[in-house]
Every structure is written in structure tokens, then in C-alpha cells.
């Protein structure tokens, strides 16, 4: 059935229907777009979930990953992440294969519809204009006929009147003839235009309008077919990822099947087995035999004895002994001077070395560019037609300046690095000073200024300045009672070191880095550990506040308070 023959008089309804079809297509495109946004949001949430439950580095979860059920869970998380990726693929395909294509098609469809209805309205206006002209010719013919009839009646009246002159009668007769001629001409025009109008009307309703409506019908059918194709694509986009989603699910199932309870139980044994033998039978102790207890030689007593044993020697505090609450050592280095003088020596050395590596890379990059431009200039000199060699001179000069600046920076940082390395004690000096320190009196050796302690630069120092100890020994005729601090691996329950002198802050120091302490200019503090050559002195303000300050920032008075030194516990 054709719209042109069946709906020839439904121009307005077809206009509304085709507009509704376009609106429906836009609604479907919006539906697909929202579905795509849901897929993206869902994939993002799945990825966030997967990321949330990924084992953290250096955490207990990473240690527990040796169990099969932990491995299975990790595999499930990874497969879930891939599963989320497939939903992202769905969203991407929906956007590229449906939404983008529909947007373009909708623009073309609107343009085509507008063109067809423009032609239809033009045809309607033409036939209406022809009809108006036909009506005008008809009215003119009718008017001329009436005028001719009146003129004829007037002539008959004049001709019958005997009192009228012959001239008047002749005039009336001529007037009647003129009117009859005009009526005849109007009739001819009306007949001719009527024939023309009928042809145009026939062409309008049987050719023009049917052609336009047929184009609209074809346009509408293509729209419906395009919508059906989009709906099939909508389903195919999901169907395409089903095999990969199935593989993700198969991976999850396979990981679950790989869980072995016996293997995990065995792993628990390997993780927590102590190696001790179970305690044996408790022997009977006969108190009737002179109340003499028989000492049990069971493995229980042996093991308990081993448990009760505590090391008699001085325990070695790891890292910085004054860090409490089981805090790990972590220098929070912020922005500072160009030479990194605000950092401890070891950290400063590492920073300077890293800066030198960066500068050397920059020099190499600039050098490569200079060499390439030099070769190009040589080519231009030999072959002037290829380019102007002089045009490269400004860039070469700029590169030379950059290289000189970078080399100057390298020399500057190398100087700072040499300065730092000269201040840091060498291994031979360390052993020599340690030997000298150990050869001194036992009271000085047992002093609470720990040998094996890490300075703020992150490196262990195992020596004490002999000259400073000599001053301390002179000032302390009677050394303070040795207090042996005992630290566990996390610096719990530590005992404070005794003061070995006083100091006065010459300059203010912020102490932003962990392990340092902030001081104000002119502030008086206790010295609990002197500079070992790394540029830092350990001081205490009160029972809870102690840390390192730059030696150059304070004026130290050793031995002033060493005798009978107070110990904060």
C-alpha cells in the first residue's frame, strides 16, 4: 500500500507522524546513551571494588597470599577487574556503533524530511494559487455574462420604443454586441484555464503528491529498519563480550577449585611450627627423702628455662631510639635549599647524587642536539641549496649556553657532594675511633650514650669522638651510674639517655624532618649525645621532647651537667 494513493489528503497527519518517528528515534538514542553511562558507572564501581580489596604492599595480606584460598581470592579480584573491562567495552561499542551513528542519521533524516515537506507545501501552494485563478476567471465570465444580458435587454427596450431616435437605438445595439463579445472572451478564458487547472490538479494528486508521499514513506521505512538494526546491535554488543565474560567467570571457578584445605593446613604448620619438642612426663618428686627436690630434666623445664633467659648484655637500639609508639623511620623531606643543606648528611648525599644524574642526562640530551645541528650545518655548508647554514647559529649558540650552564651546575653539585663525603666518616676512621673508645674506662663504655645508634642521616655510627669523651671524663671524676636501656624491635619501653652537658641555641631551627626537634634562638637545652662527625647533636628539652639539631646552630658546653646527671624515665 502506498501513502501517495491511500493518504493523498492526509498531508498534516503524515507531517505529525514523521515528526513523531524522529522523536522516537531520538528517545531510543537517549535510552542507549543512558545504558552506556550505566555500564561505565558499573565498570568503575567494579574496578574500585577490585582495587579496594587488592592486597597492600608490606601488609599482612601480602604475607597471607601464600595460602590457596588467598590466591583464589586474588585471582577472583583480577578476573573481576577484567570483567569490569568488558562492561567498558560494551559502553564503548554502544557509543561508537549506535549513539554516534544514530546522531548522524538523525541529522540527515531531519534534513530529508524538511526537504520533502517543503516540496509538498510548495505543490499545495501552487494548486491553491491555480484554483484561485480559476475562481477569478469564473467570476469574470459570470460578471461579463450578466453585463451582456443587461446590455441586450436595454437594446431590446430601446428598439421597441418609438420615441427613441435611431441613433440611440444603434448605440444600444453596439453596446450589447460589445458586452456579448466580452462575455464570449471571458467564457473562452474560463474554459481554457479550467482545462489547465484540471490538468494541474490531476498531476498534483496523481503524480506530485504521490511522489512526495512515496519518498516520505521510503524515509519512514528506512528509519524503522535503522531502528531495528540498532536494536540488534544493542543485543550483539552484549553477546560479543559473553565469551570473554565467560572466561572471566571460568577463571573465578578454576581459582575456587584450586583451593586445597590440606595444603593450607600444611602451610599453617610451616608458618608457625616452633621446632620444640612437646614437654615430657613430669617426674615424681619425693619430699620424704630429706626434703630434697629432684630436678626434672624434662624438655618442658629446658624450654621454660630458655624462655626465661634474658640477654645480659646491652641491647642494641635499632634506628633512632627516641622514636616511640612503634613509629617507623621515615624522613619526610620537603622543599629546601638548592644544596639540600637542610637534610641529614646521608640523605643529602643521595639527593646530590640523584641531582648529578639528572644534570648529566640533560647535558647528554643537549649535546646530542648540538651534534645533530652541527652535522646539519655541515651539510648546509657543503650543499647551500638544501638550507641556510647561518640560520642554525642562534640555536647552536643557545645549546652551547645551556651546556655551559649545566656543566657549571654539575661542578657546583659535585663540590657540595665532595664536601658531604669529606665530612662523613670512613670505615677505617670508624674502626679506629671505636677501638679508642672501647679502650677507655669501663664507666665511659657503659655510659648511656649508645654506640650503635643511627644518626639523622639514616646511617649507623659506631664511634664516639675521643676528644669529647676526654673532656667528659675530666669533668666527671665519678662517672654516672650506667643505665642500660632495653628496646624491643619497635622501640617500646625505652629509657632516656643521661645528659652530658648543656647547649645554647645560636639560631632558630624549625625541625620539620622526623627525628629532629625545633628550637628557638637563645633557648637552653640538655645535650644527651654529641656530634659524631655527621653535623648533628642530640639534645633534650624535657622528659618527652628530644631530637637532633644541627651542631652549627648551637653552642655546646660539655661536662657542665654531667656529674650526677639526671635521667628522665
Foldseek 3Di string as FASTA:
>chain_A
DFCLQPVLPVLVVLLVVLVVLLVVLVVVLVVLLVLLVVLLVVLVVLLVVLVVPDDDPPDVLVVVCVALVSVLVNLLSVLSNVVSVLSNLLSVCSCPVPNVVSVVVSVVLVVVSVVLVVLVVVLVVVLVVLVVVLVVLVVQLVVLVVQLVVLVVVLVVQVPDPVHDPVVSVVSVVSSVVSVVSSVVSVVVSVVSVVVSVVSVCCSSPPRSSVSSNSSVVSSVVSVVSVVVSVVVNVVSVVVCVVVNVVSVVSSVVSVVSRDPVVNVVVVCVVPPPPQDDWDDDDDFDCVPVHDGDDDPTSVVVVVVVVPDDDPDFDFDEAALLDDPLDDADWDDDDDDPQPPVAFLLVSLVVLVVVLVVLVVVLVVLVVVLVVLVVVLVVCVVPVVVDDSVVCVVVNVVSVVVNVVSVVVNVVSVVSNVVSVVLDDDPVVQVVQLVVQVPDDVLSVLAPQAQFYDARSRDTRRGADPVLVVVLCVLAVPADDRDRFDADNSSPPGWFGFFFWKKFFCAWDDQPIPQAATDHHGDMWTFRGQDPRRQWTWTAHDLNDIGIDGPVRMGIDGSPQRYVTDIRD
